[in-house]
Amino acid sequence: MDNTASQFDLLRQLRALIAQRNEAAEAFEIFKQDAVLAPTTELGEGGVSSDDAAAVAAEEVDTFKAQTEGLLVSATDDEVLAAYQQTEGGVGDLAAEALRDEMRRRNLDE
């Protein structure tokens, strides 16, 4: 099946994945703060330990990585180049960095 996503959609989808990852990371940070501020000696029924939270966070990182790789691998060379050109290419722009890494992997010129 051919990839029919437009070049704009590649960048939009990549930015959406990054936003989801950031939200998950923020939620995990809030959980860690709450766990430090209100430690319990017993977890009780339905309690979640910091080890459980760390495992969930690691799983989400793996999921994000797999989704990002799948999105980039399914894109054509032209789509990757066009999406990168829509960014400012700056350091700290995770979408631009992911696209730049994919361009390097494919030996594409900017």
PDB file of N, CA and C in Angstrom:
ATOM      1  N   MET A   1       0.843  -1.177   0.000  1.00  0.00           N
ATOM      2  CA  MET A   1       0.000   0.000   0.000  1.00  0.00           C
ATOM      3  C   MET A   1       0.883   1.233   0.000  1.00  0.00           C
ATOM      4  N   ASP A   2       0.608   2.161  -0.879  1.00  0.00           N
ATOM      5  CA  ASP A   2       1.406   3.377  -0.969  1.00  0.00           C
ATOM      6  C   ASP A   2       1.043   4.340   0.152  1.00  0.00           C
ATOM      7  N   ASN A   3       2.041   5.112   0.565  1.00  0.00           N
ATOM      8  CA  ASN A   3       1.815   6.153   1.560  1.00  0.00           C
ATOM      9  C   ASN A   3       1.166   7.339   0.856  1.00  0.00           C
ATOM     10  N   THR A   4      -0.054   7.666   1.246  1.00  0.00           N
ATOM     11  CA  THR A   4      -0.777   8.748   0.590  1.00  0.00           C
ATOM     12  C   THR A   4      -0.818  10.013   1.430  1.00  0.00           C
ATOM     13  N   ALA A   5      -0.113  10.038   2.557  1.00  0.00           N
ATOM     14  CA  ALA A   5      -0.089  11.232   3.406  1.00  0.00           C
ATOM     15  C   ALA A   5       0.632  12.349   2.667  1.00  0.00           C
ATOM     16  N   SER A   6       0.097  13.549   2.792  1.00  0.00           N
ATOM     17  CA  SER A   6       0.760  14.682   2.147  1.00  0.00           C
ATOM     18  C   SER A   6       2.020  15.032   2.925  1.00  0.00           C
ATOM     19  N   GLN A   7       2.875  15.815   2.307  1.00  0.00           N
ATOM     20  CA  GLN A   7       4.113  16.224   2.960  1.00  0.00           C
ATOM     21  C   GLN A   7       3.810  16.998   4.238  1.00  0.00           C
ATOM     22  N   PHE A   8       2.792  17.821   4.216  1.00  0.00           N
ATOM     23  CA  PHE A   8       2.414  18.580   5.401  1.00  0.00           C
ATOM     24  C   PHE A   8       1.967  17.647   6.508  1.00  0.00           C
ATOM     25  N   ASP A   9       1.236  16.596   6.147  1.00  0.00           N
ATOM     26  CA  ASP A   9       0.752  15.655   7.142  1.00  0.00           C
ATOM     27  C   ASP A   9       1.896  14.964   7.879  1.00  0.00           C
ATOM     28  N   LEU A  10       2.996  14.678   7.209  1.00  0.00           N
ATOM     29  CA  LEU A  10       4.132  14.032   7.867  1.00  0.00           C
ATOM     30  C   LEU A  10       4.620  14.900   9.020  1.00  0.00           C
ATOM     31  N   LEU A  11       4.824  16.171   8.775  1.00  0.00           N
ATOM     32  CA  LEU A  11       5.295  17.067   9.832  1.00  0.00           C
ATOM     33  C   LEU A  11       4.241  17.203  10.923  1.00  0.00           C
ATOM     34  N   ARG A  12       2.980  17.342  10.545  1.00  0.00           N
ATOM     35  CA  ARG A  12       1.906  17.478  11.532  1.00  0.00           C
ATOM     36  C   ARG A  12       1.815  16.227  12.399  1.00  0.00           C
ATOM     37  N   GLN A  13       1.897  15.059  11.780  1.00  0.00           N
ATOM     38  CA  GLN A  13       1.811  13.811  12.541  1.00  0.00           C
ATOM     39  C   GLN A  13       3.016  13.650  13.471  1.00  0.00           C
ATOM     40  N   LEU A  14       4.179  14.028  12.991  1.00  0.00           N
ATOM     41  CA  LEU A  14       5.380  13.941  13.816  1.00  0.00           C
ATOM     42  C   LEU A  14       5.268  14.870  15.022  1.00  0.00           C
ATOM     43  N   ARG A  15       4.810  16.091  14.791  1.00  0.00           N
ATOM     44  CA  ARG A  15       4.631  17.044  15.904  1.00  0.00           C
ATOM     45  C   ARG A  15       3.567  16.545  16.890  1.00  0.00           C
ATOM     46  N   ALA A  16       2.518  15.886  16.396  1.00  0.00           N
ATOM     47  CA  ALA A  16       1.486  15.336  17.279  1.00  0.00           C
ATOM     48  C   ALA A  16       2.056  14.229  18.164  1.00  0.00           C
ATOM     49  N   LEU A  17       2.886  13.372  17.594  1.00  0.00           N
ATOM     50  CA  LEU A  17       3.534  12.325  18.391  1.00  0.00           C
ATOM     51  C   LEU A  17       4.427  12.921  19.470  1.00  0.00           C
ATOM     52  N   ILE A  18       5.158  13.967  19.118  1.00  0.00           N
ATOM     53  CA  ILE A  18       6.045  14.623  20.085  1.00  0.00           C
ATOM     54  C   ILE A  18       5.219  15.258  21.202  1.00  0.00           C
ATOM     55  N   ALA A  19       4.092  15.871  20.861  1.00  0.00           N
ATOM     56  CA  ALA A  19       3.224  16.475  21.875  1.00  0.00           C
ATOM     57  C   ALA A  19       2.687  15.404  22.827  1.00  0.00           C
ATOM     58  N   GLN A  20       2.295  14.256  22.290  1.00  0.00           N
ATOM     59  CA  GLN A  20       1.813  13.156  23.132  1.00  0.00           C
ATOM     60  C   GLN A  20       2.910  12.678  24.065  1.00  0.00           C
ATOM     61  N   ARG A  21       4.112  12.557  23.532  1.00  0.00           N
ATOM     62  CA  ARG A  21       5.241  12.118  24.354  1.00  0.00           C
ATOM     63  C   ARG A  21       5.503  13.124  25.469  1.00  0.00           C
ATOM     64  N   ASN A  22       5.441  14.414  25.148  1.00  0.00           N
ATOM     65  CA  ASN A  22       5.669  15.453  26.152  1.00  0.00           C
ATOM     66  C   ASN A  22       4.602  15.430  27.241  1.00  0.00           C
ATOM     67  N   GLU A  23       3.346  15.205  26.854  1.00  0.00           N
ATOM     68  CA  GLU A  23       2.268  15.117  27.832  1.00  0.00           C
ATOM     69  C   GLU A  23       2.472  13.923  28.762  1.00  0.00           C
ATOM     70  N   ALA A  24       2.883  12.793  28.203  1.00  0.00           N
ATOM     71  CA  ALA A  24       3.130  11.609  29.023  1.00  0.00           C
ATOM     72  C   ALA A  24       4.288  11.854  29.981  1.00  0.00           C
ATOM     73  N   ALA A  25       5.332  12.514  29.512  1.00  0.00           N
ATOM     74  CA  ALA A  25       6.486  12.810  30.367  1.00  0.00           C
ATOM     75  C   ALA A  25       6.083  13.762  31.490  1.00  0.00           C
ATOM     76  N   GLU A  26       5.255  14.745  31.172  1.00  0.00           N
ATOM     77  CA  GLU A  26       4.796  15.689  32.188  1.00  0.00           C
ATOM     78  C   GLU A  26       3.941  14.990  33.241  1.00  0.00           C
ATOM     79  N   ALA A  27       3.064  14.110  32.809  1.00  0.00           N
ATOM     80  CA  ALA A  27       2.220  13.358  33.740  1.00  0.00           C
ATOM     81  C   ALA A  27       3.079  12.492  34.656  1.00  0.00           C
ATOM     82  N   PHE A  28       4.130  11.882  34.109  1.00  0.00           N
ATOM     83  CA  PHE A  28       5.014  11.061  34.919  1.00  0.00           C
ATOM     84  C   PHE A  28       5.754  11.920  35.946  1.00  0.00           C
ATOM     85  N   GLU A  29       6.192  13.106  35.544  1.00  0.00           N
ATOM     86  CA  GLU A  29       6.881  14.006  36.479  1.00  0.00           C
ATOM     87  C   GLU A  29       5.962  14.405  37.629  1.00  0.00           C
ATOM     88  N   ILE A  30       4.697  14.678  37.328  1.00  0.00           N
ATOM     89  CA  ILE A  30       3.732  15.023  38.381  1.00  0.00           C
ATOM     90  C   ILE A  30       3.539  13.848  39.316  1.00  0.00           C
ATOM     91  N   PHE A  31       3.450  12.645  38.772  1.00  0.00           N
ATOM     92  CA  PHE A  31       3.310  11.450  39.603  1.00  0.00           C
ATOM     93  C   PHE A  31       4.512  11.313  40.539  1.00  0.00           C
ATOM     94  N   LYS A  32       5.723  11.515  39.995  1.00  0.00           N
ATOM     95  CA  LYS A  32       6.926  11.381  40.826  1.00  0.00           C
ATOM     96  C   LYS A  32       6.912  12.403  41.952  1.00  0.00           C
ATOM     97  N   GLN A  33       6.513  13.637  41.660  1.00  0.00           N
ATOM     98  CA  GLN A  33       6.457  14.671  42.695  1.00  0.00           C
ATOM     99  C   GLN A  33       5.453  14.296  43.781  1.00  0.00           C
ATOM    100  N   ASP A  34       4.292  13.822  43.358  1.00  0.00           N
ATOM    101  CA  ASP A  34       3.273  13.408  44.323  1.00  0.00           C
ATOM    102  C   ASP A  34       3.766  12.254  45.175  1.00  0.00           C
ATOM    103  N   ALA A  35       4.489  11.329  44.581  1.00  0.00           N
ATOM    104  CA  ALA A  35       4.995  10.176  45.328  1.00  0.00           C
ATOM    105  C   ALA A  35       6.013  10.610  46.380  1.00  0.00           C
ATOM    106  N   VAL A  36       6.814  11.622  46.059  1.00  0.00           N
ATOM    107  CA  VAL A  36       7.804  12.113  47.010  1.00  0.00           C
ATOM    108  C   VAL A  36       7.126  12.899  48.122  1.00  0.00           C
ATOM    109  N   LEU A  37       6.115  13.686  47.791  1.00  0.00           N
ATOM    110  CA  LEU A  37       5.442  14.515  48.778  1.00  0.00           C
ATOM    111  C   LEU A  37       4.527  13.722  49.696  1.00  0.00           C
ATOM    112  N   ALA A  38       3.989  12.625  49.222  1.00  0.00           N
ATOM    113  CA  ALA A  38       3.042  11.852  50.019  1.00  0.00           C
ATOM    114  C   ALA A  38       3.391  10.367  49.974  1.00  0.00           C
ATOM    115  N   PRO A  39       4.556  10.002  50.533  1.00  0.00           N
ATOM    116  CA  PRO A  39       4.925   8.581  50.507  1.00  0.00           C
ATOM    117  C   PRO A  39       3.991   7.769  51.400  1.00  0.00           C
ATOM    118  N   THR A  40       3.749   6.548  50.973  1.00  0.00           N
ATOM    119  CA  THR A  40       2.914   5.661  51.775  1.00  0.00           C
ATOM    120  C   THR A  40       3.718   4.425  52.138  1.00  0.00           C
ATOM    121  N   THR A  41       3.413   3.857  53.292  1.00  0.00           N
ATOM    122  CA  THR A  41       4.105   2.639  53.700  1.00  0.00           C
ATOM    123  C   THR A  41       3.470   1.421  53.057  1.00  0.00           C
ATOM    124  N   GLU A  42       2.179   1.512  52.747  1.00  0.00           N
ATOM    125  CA  GLU A  42       1.491   0.412  52.085  1.00  0.00           C
ATOM    126  C   GLU A  42       0.774   0.955  50.855  1.00  0.00           C
ATOM    127  N   LEU A  43       0.828   0.198  49.794  1.00  0.00           N
ATOM    128  CA  LEU A  43       0.154   0.629  48.580  1.00  0.00           C
ATOM    129  C   LEU A  43      -1.341   0.373  48.640  1.00  0.00           C
ATOM    130  N   GLY A  44      -1.727  -0.679  49.310  1.00  0.00           N
ATOM    131  CA  GLY A  44      -3.146  -0.988  49.411  1.00  0.00           C
ATOM    132  C   GLY A  44      -3.729  -1.417  48.082  1.00  0.00           C
ATOM    133  N   GLU A  45      -5.024  -1.612  48.093  1.00  0.00           N
ATOM    134  CA  GLU A  45      -5.757  -2.068  46.905  1.00  0.00           C
ATOM    135  C   GLU A  45      -5.699  -0.989  45.819  1.00  0.00           C
ATOM    136  N   GLY A  46      -5.188  -1.378  44.657  1.00  0.00           N
ATOM    137  CA  GLY A  46      -5.174  -0.449  43.521  1.00  0.00           C
ATOM    138  C   GLY A  46      -4.053   0.568  43.556  1.00  0.00           C
ATOM    139  N   GLY A  47      -3.156   0.474  44.515  1.00  0.00           N
ATOM    140  CA  GLY A  47      -2.051   1.425  44.598  1.00  0.00           C
ATOM    141  C   GLY A  47      -1.025   1.185  43.505  1.00  0.00           C
ATOM    142  N   VAL A  48      -0.294   2.228  43.184  1.00  0.00           N
ATOM    143  CA  VAL A  48       0.726   2.139  42.146  1.00  0.00           C
ATOM    144  C   VAL A  48       2.054   2.539  42.748  1.00  0.00           C
ATOM    145  N   SER A  49       3.053   1.690  42.588  1.00  0.00           N
ATOM    146  CA  SER A  49       4.369   1.989  43.124  1.00  0.00           C
ATOM    147  C   SER A  49       5.167   2.813  42.127  1.00  0.00           C
ATOM    148  N   SER A  50       6.260   3.409  42.572  1.00  0.00           N
ATOM    149  CA  SER A  50       7.116   4.162  41.663  1.00  0.00           C
ATOM    150  C   SER A  50       7.747   3.229  40.630  1.00  0.00           C
ATOM    151  N   ASP A  51       7.974   1.975  41.000  1.00  0.00           N
ATOM    152  CA  ASP A  51       8.486   0.995  40.036  1.00  0.00           C
ATOM    153  C   ASP A  51       7.464   0.748  38.923  1.00  0.00           C
ATOM    154  N   ASP A  52       6.179   0.671  39.312  1.00  0.00           N
ATOM    155  CA  ASP A  52       5.116   0.504  38.313  1.00  0.00           C
ATOM    156  C   ASP A  52       5.080   1.700  37.369  1.00  0.00           C
ATOM    157  N   ALA A  53       5.190   2.881  37.944  1.00  0.00           N
ATOM    158  CA  ALA A  53       5.156   4.102  37.132  1.00  0.00           C
ATOM    159  C   ALA A  53       6.347   4.171  36.193  1.00  0.00           C
ATOM    160  N   ALA A  54       7.516   3.768  36.676  1.00  0.00           N
ATOM    161  CA  ALA A  54       8.710   3.768  35.828  1.00  0.00           C
ATOM    162  C   ALA A  54       8.555   2.786  34.674  1.00  0.00           C
ATOM    163  N   ALA A  55       7.947   1.644  34.949  1.00  0.00           N
ATOM    164  CA  ALA A  55       7.729   0.654  33.891  1.00  0.00           C
ATOM    165  C   ALA A  55       6.765   1.194  32.838  1.00  0.00           C
ATOM    166  N   VAL A  56       5.716   1.878  33.271  1.00  0.00           N
ATOM    167  CA  VAL A  56       4.761   2.469  32.333  1.00  0.00           C
ATOM    168  C   VAL A  56       5.440   3.552  31.510  1.00  0.00           C
ATOM    169  N   ALA A  57       6.259   4.386  32.154  1.00  0.00           N
ATOM    170  CA  ALA A  57       6.968   5.449  31.441  1.00  0.00           C
ATOM    171  C   ALA A  57       7.911   4.860  30.396  1.00  0.00           C
ATOM    172  N   ALA A  58       8.630   3.807  30.756  1.00  0.00           N
ATOM    173  CA  ALA A  58       9.537   3.155  29.805  1.00  0.00           C
ATOM    174  C   ALA A  58       8.766   2.567  28.634  1.00  0.00           C
ATOM    175  N   GLU A  59       7.605   2.001  28.921  1.00  0.00           N
ATOM    176  CA  GLU A  59       6.768   1.434  27.855  1.00  0.00           C
ATOM    177  C   GLU A  59       6.286   2.539  26.914  1.00  0.00           C
ATOM    178  N   GLU A  60       5.930   3.687  27.470  1.00  0.00           N
ATOM    179  CA  GLU A  60       5.466   4.799  26.630  1.00  0.00           C
ATOM    180  C   GLU A  60       6.597   5.330  25.752  1.00  0.00           C
ATOM    181  N   VAL A  61       7.811   5.368  26.293  1.00  0.00           N
ATOM    182  CA  VAL A  61       8.957   5.796  25.493  1.00  0.00           C
ATOM    183  C   VAL A  61       9.158   4.842  24.327  1.00  0.00           C
ATOM    184  N   ASP A  62       9.079   3.550  24.597  1.00  0.00           N
ATOM    185  CA  ASP A  62       9.223   2.552  23.529  1.00  0.00           C
ATOM    186  C   ASP A  62       8.118   2.708  22.480  1.00  0.00           C
ATOM    187  N   THR A  63       6.899   2.948  22.938  1.00  0.00           N
ATOM    188  CA  THR A  63       5.777   3.135  22.018  1.00  0.00           C
ATOM    189  C   THR A  63       5.995   4.368  21.154  1.00  0.00           C
ATOM    190  N   PHE A  64       6.410   5.468  21.775  1.00  0.00           N
ATOM    191  CA  PHE A  64       6.666   6.701  21.031  1.00  0.00           C
ATOM    192  C   PHE A  64       7.754   6.475  19.986  1.00  0.00           C
ATOM    193  N   LYS A  65       8.815   5.805  20.388  1.00  0.00           N
ATOM    194  CA  LYS A  65       9.915   5.548  19.463  1.00  0.00           C
ATOM    195  C   LYS A  65       9.439   4.707  18.283  1.00  0.00           C
ATOM    196  N   ALA A  66       8.670   3.660  18.552  1.00  0.00           N
ATOM    197  CA  ALA A  66       8.176   2.789  17.486  1.00  0.00           C
ATOM    198  C   ALA A  66       7.236   3.549  16.543  1.00  0.00           C
ATOM    199  N   GLN A  67       6.355   4.377  17.111  1.00  0.00           N
ATOM    200  CA  GLN A  67       5.433   5.148  16.273  1.00  0.00           C
ATOM    201  C   GLN A  67       6.195   6.145  15.401  1.00  0.00           C
ATOM    202  N   THR A  68       7.178   6.811  15.979  1.00  0.00           N
ATOM    203  CA  THR A  68       7.960   7.795  15.233  1.00  0.00           C
ATOM    204  C   THR A  68       8.740   7.112  14.120  1.00  0.00           C
ATOM    205  N   GLU A  69       9.405   6.012  14.446  1.00  0.00           N
ATOM    206  CA  GLU A  69      10.169   5.281  13.428  1.00  0.00           C
ATOM    207  C   GLU A  69       9.256   4.780  12.321  1.00  0.00           C
ATOM    208  N   GLY A  70       8.092   4.275  12.685  1.00  0.00           N
ATOM    209  CA  GLY A  70       7.147   3.785  11.685  1.00  0.00           C
ATOM    210  C   GLY A  70       6.676   4.892  10.761  1.00  0.00           C
ATOM    211  N   LEU A  71       6.408   6.040  11.331  1.00  0.00           N
ATOM    212  CA  LEU A  71       5.967   7.178  10.526  1.00  0.00           C
ATOM    213  C   LEU A  71       7.059   7.610   9.555  1.00  0.00           C
ATOM    214  N   LEU A  72       8.280   7.726  10.050  1.00  0.00           N
ATOM    215  CA  LEU A  72       9.376   8.191   9.201  1.00  0.00           C
ATOM    216  C   LEU A  72       9.750   7.165   8.138  1.00  0.00           C
ATOM    217  N   VAL A  73       9.772   5.894   8.493  1.00  0.00           N
ATOM    218  CA  VAL A  73      10.137   4.847   7.539  1.00  0.00           C
ATOM    219  C   VAL A  73       9.103   4.745   6.419  1.00  0.00           C
ATOM    220  N   SER A  74       7.847   5.002   6.743  1.00  0.00           N
ATOM    221  CA  SER A  74       6.796   4.893   5.728  1.00  0.00           C
ATOM    222  C   SER A  74       6.759   6.085   4.775  1.00  0.00           C
ATOM    223  N   ALA A  75       7.447   7.157   5.131  1.00  0.00           N
ATOM    224  CA  ALA A  75       7.458   8.360   4.286  1.00  0.00           C
ATOM    225  C   ALA A  75       8.436   8.195   3.129  1.00  0.00           C
ATOM    226  N   THR A  76       8.122   8.837   2.021  1.00  0.00           N
ATOM    227  CA  THR A  76       9.033   8.827   0.882  1.00  0.00           C
ATOM    228  C   THR A  76      10.170   9.815   1.130  1.00  0.00           C
ATOM    229  N   ASP A  77      11.230   9.704   0.347  1.00  0.00           N
ATOM    230  CA  ASP A  77      12.339  10.656   0.451  1.00  0.00           C
ATOM    231  C   ASP A  77      11.840  12.086   0.257  1.00  0.00           C
ATOM    232  N   ASP A  78      10.986  12.290  -0.742  1.00  0.00           N
ATOM    233  CA  ASP A  78      10.464  13.627  -1.020  1.00  0.00           C
ATOM    234  C   ASP A  78       9.653  14.168   0.153  1.00  0.00           C
ATOM    235  N   GLU A  79       8.881  13.296   0.791  1.00  0.00           N
ATOM    236  CA  GLU A  79       8.079  13.719   1.940  1.00  0.00           C
ATOM    237  C   GLU A  79       8.969  14.112   3.120  1.00  0.00           C
ATOM    238  N   VAL A  80      10.017  13.341   3.348  1.00  0.00           N
ATOM    239  CA  VAL A  80      10.934  13.662   4.443  1.00  0.00           C
ATOM    240  C   VAL A  80      11.608  15.005   4.176  1.00  0.00           C
ATOM    241  N   LEU A  81      12.108  15.191   2.969  1.00  0.00           N
ATOM    242  CA  LEU A  81      12.775  16.455   2.620  1.00  0.00           C
ATOM    243  C   LEU A  81      11.810  17.636   2.717  1.00  0.00           C
ATOM    244  N   ALA A  82      10.615  17.480   2.180  1.00  0.00           N
ATOM    245  CA  ALA A  82       9.639  18.572   2.207  1.00  0.00           C
ATOM    246  C   ALA A  82       9.222  18.907   3.638  1.00  0.00           C
ATOM    247  N   ALA A  83       9.029  17.890   4.459  1.00  0.00           N
ATOM    248  CA  ALA A  83       8.652  18.134   5.850  1.00  0.00           C
ATOM    249  C   ALA A  83       9.776  18.864   6.584  1.00  0.00           C
ATOM    250  N   TYR A  84      11.010  18.457   6.345  1.00  0.00           N
ATOM    251  CA  TYR A  84      12.145  19.128   6.995  1.00  0.00           C
ATOM    252  C   TYR A  84      12.227  20.587   6.549  1.00  0.00           C
ATOM    253  N   GLN A  85      11.990  20.839   5.276  1.00  0.00           N
ATOM    254  CA  GLN A  85      12.055  22.211   4.763  1.00  0.00           C
ATOM    255  C   GLN A  85      10.973  23.098   5.370  1.00  0.00           C
ATOM    256  N   GLN A  86       9.907  22.512   5.867  1.00  0.00           N
ATOM    257  CA  GLN A  86       8.846  23.278   6.530  1.00  0.00           C
ATOM    258  C   GLN A  86       9.240  23.681   7.951  1.00  0.00           C
ATOM    259  N   THR A  87      10.263  23.061   8.493  1.00  0.00           N
ATOM    260  CA  THR A  87      10.738  23.415   9.826  1.00  0.00           C
ATOM    261  C   THR A  87      11.798  24.492   9.681  1.00  0.00           C
ATOM    262  N   GLU A  88      12.174  25.081  10.801  1.00  0.00           N
ATOM    263  CA  GLU A  88      13.280  26.034  10.779  1.00  0.00           C
ATOM    264  C   GLU A  88      14.612  25.320  10.986  1.00  0.00           C
ATOM    265  N   GLY A  89      14.542  24.017  11.266  1.00  0.00           N
ATOM    266  CA  GLY A  89      15.751  23.213  11.388  1.00  0.00           C
ATOM    267  C   GLY A  89      16.576  23.495  12.618  1.00  0.00           C
ATOM    268  N   GLY A  90      15.997  24.183  13.584  1.00  0.00           N
ATOM    269  CA  GLY A  90      16.751  24.585  14.765  1.00  0.00           C
ATOM    270  C   GLY A  90      16.989  23.466  15.757  1.00  0.00           C
ATOM    271  N   VAL A  91      18.072  23.616  16.508  1.00  0.00           N
ATOM    272  CA  VAL A  91      18.361  22.686  17.599  1.00  0.00           C
ATOM    273  C   VAL A  91      17.264  22.854  18.643  1.00  0.00           C
ATOM    274  N   GLY A  92      16.765  21.757  19.135  1.00  0.00           N
ATOM    275  CA  GLY A  92      15.690  21.786  20.109  1.00  0.00           C
ATOM    276  C   GLY A  92      14.322  21.559  19.487  1.00  0.00           C
ATOM    277  N   ASP A  93      14.223  21.670  18.176  1.00  0.00           N
ATOM    278  CA  ASP A  93      12.980  21.342  17.469  1.00  0.00           C
ATOM    279  C   ASP A  93      13.032  19.841  17.214  1.00  0.00           C
ATOM    280  N   LEU A  94      12.310  19.093  18.050  1.00  0.00           N
ATOM    281  CA  LEU A  94      12.400  17.633  17.987  1.00  0.00           C
ATOM    282  C   LEU A  94      11.944  17.077  16.651  1.00  0.00           C
ATOM    283  N   ALA A  95      10.955  17.701  16.028  1.00  0.00           N
ATOM    284  CA  ALA A  95      10.506  17.238  14.713  1.00  0.00           C
ATOM    285  C   ALA A  95      11.614  17.434  13.686  1.00  0.00           C
ATOM    286  N   ALA A  96      12.234  18.603  13.691  1.00  0.00           N
ATOM    287  CA  ALA A  96      13.325  18.872  12.747  1.00  0.00           C
ATOM    288  C   ALA A  96      14.482  17.910  12.989  1.00  0.00           C
ATOM    289  N   GLU A  97      14.798  17.650  14.247  1.00  0.00           N
ATOM    290  CA  GLU A  97      15.900  16.744  14.563  1.00  0.00           C
ATOM    291  C   GLU A  97      15.592  15.321  14.112  1.00  0.00           C
ATOM    292  N   ALA A  98      14.354  14.867  14.312  1.00  0.00           N
ATOM    293  CA  ALA A  98      13.971  13.519  13.868  1.00  0.00           C
ATOM    294  C   ALA A  98      14.048  13.423  12.347  1.00  0.00           C
ATOM    295  N   LEU A  99      13.570  14.458  11.671  1.00  0.00           N
ATOM    296  CA  LEU A  99      13.624  14.459  10.206  1.00  0.00           C
ATOM    297  C   LEU A  99      15.067  14.509   9.714  1.00  0.00           C
ATOM    298  N   ARG A 100      15.889  15.311  10.372  1.00  0.00           N
ATOM    299  CA  ARG A 100      17.307  15.402   9.997  1.00  0.00           C
ATOM    300  C   ARG A 100      17.999  14.053  10.196  1.00  0.00           C
ATOM    301  N   ASP A 101      17.690  13.372  11.285  1.00  0.00           N
ATOM    302  CA  ASP A 101      18.261  12.040  11.520  1.00  0.00           C
ATOM    303  C   ASP A 101      17.828  11.055  10.435  1.00  0.00           C
ATOM    304  N   GLU A 102      16.560  11.137  10.044  1.00  0.00           N
ATOM    305  CA  GLU A 102      16.065  10.252   8.986  1.00  0.00           C
ATOM    306  C   GLU A 102      16.751  10.582   7.666  1.00  0.00           C
ATOM    307  N   MET A 103      16.984  11.855   7.399  1.00  0.00           N
ATOM    308  CA  MET A 103      17.680  12.250   6.176  1.00  0.00           C
ATOM    309  C   MET A 103      19.101  11.701   6.171  1.00  0.00           C
ATOM    310  N   ARG A 104      19.769  11.744   7.316  1.00  0.00           N
ATOM    311  CA  ARG A 104      21.129  11.186   7.417  1.00  0.00           C
ATOM    312  C   ARG A 104      21.097   9.676   7.184  1.00  0.00           C
ATOM    313  N   ARG A 105      20.100   9.028   7.787  1.00  0.00           N
ATOM    314  CA  ARG A 105      19.990   7.563   7.625  1.00  0.00           C
ATOM    315  C   ARG A 105      19.820   7.201   6.159  1.00  0.00           C
ATOM    316  N   ARG A 106      19.093   8.022   5.423  1.00  0.00           N
ATOM    317  CA  ARG A 106      18.840   7.756   4.010  1.00  0.00           C
ATOM    318  C   ARG A 106      19.883   8.374   3.086  1.00  0.00           C
ATOM    319  N   ASN A 107      20.847   9.074   3.653  1.00  0.00           N
ATOM    320  CA  ASN A 107      21.859   9.778   2.869  1.00  0.00           C
ATOM    321  C   ASN A 107      21.246  10.805   1.923  1.00  0.00           C
ATOM    322  N   LEU A 108      20.294  11.589   2.456  1.00  0.00           N
ATOM    323  CA  LEU A 108      19.646  12.648   1.672  1.00  0.00           C
ATOM    324  C   LEU A 108      20.299  13.987   1.998  1.00  0.00           C
ATOM    325  N   ASP A 109      20.396  14.852   1.011  1.00  0.00           N
ATOM    326  CA  ASP A 109      20.929  16.198   1.215  1.00  0.00           C
ATOM    327  C   ASP A 109      19.804  17.122   1.631  1.00  0.00           C
ATOM    328  N   GLU A 110      20.164  18.098   2.475  1.00  0.00           N
ATOM    329  CA  GLU A 110      19.188  19.106   2.881  1.00  0.00           C
ATOM    330  C   GLU A 110      18.945  19.994   1.710  1.00  0.00           C
TER     331      GLU A 110
END
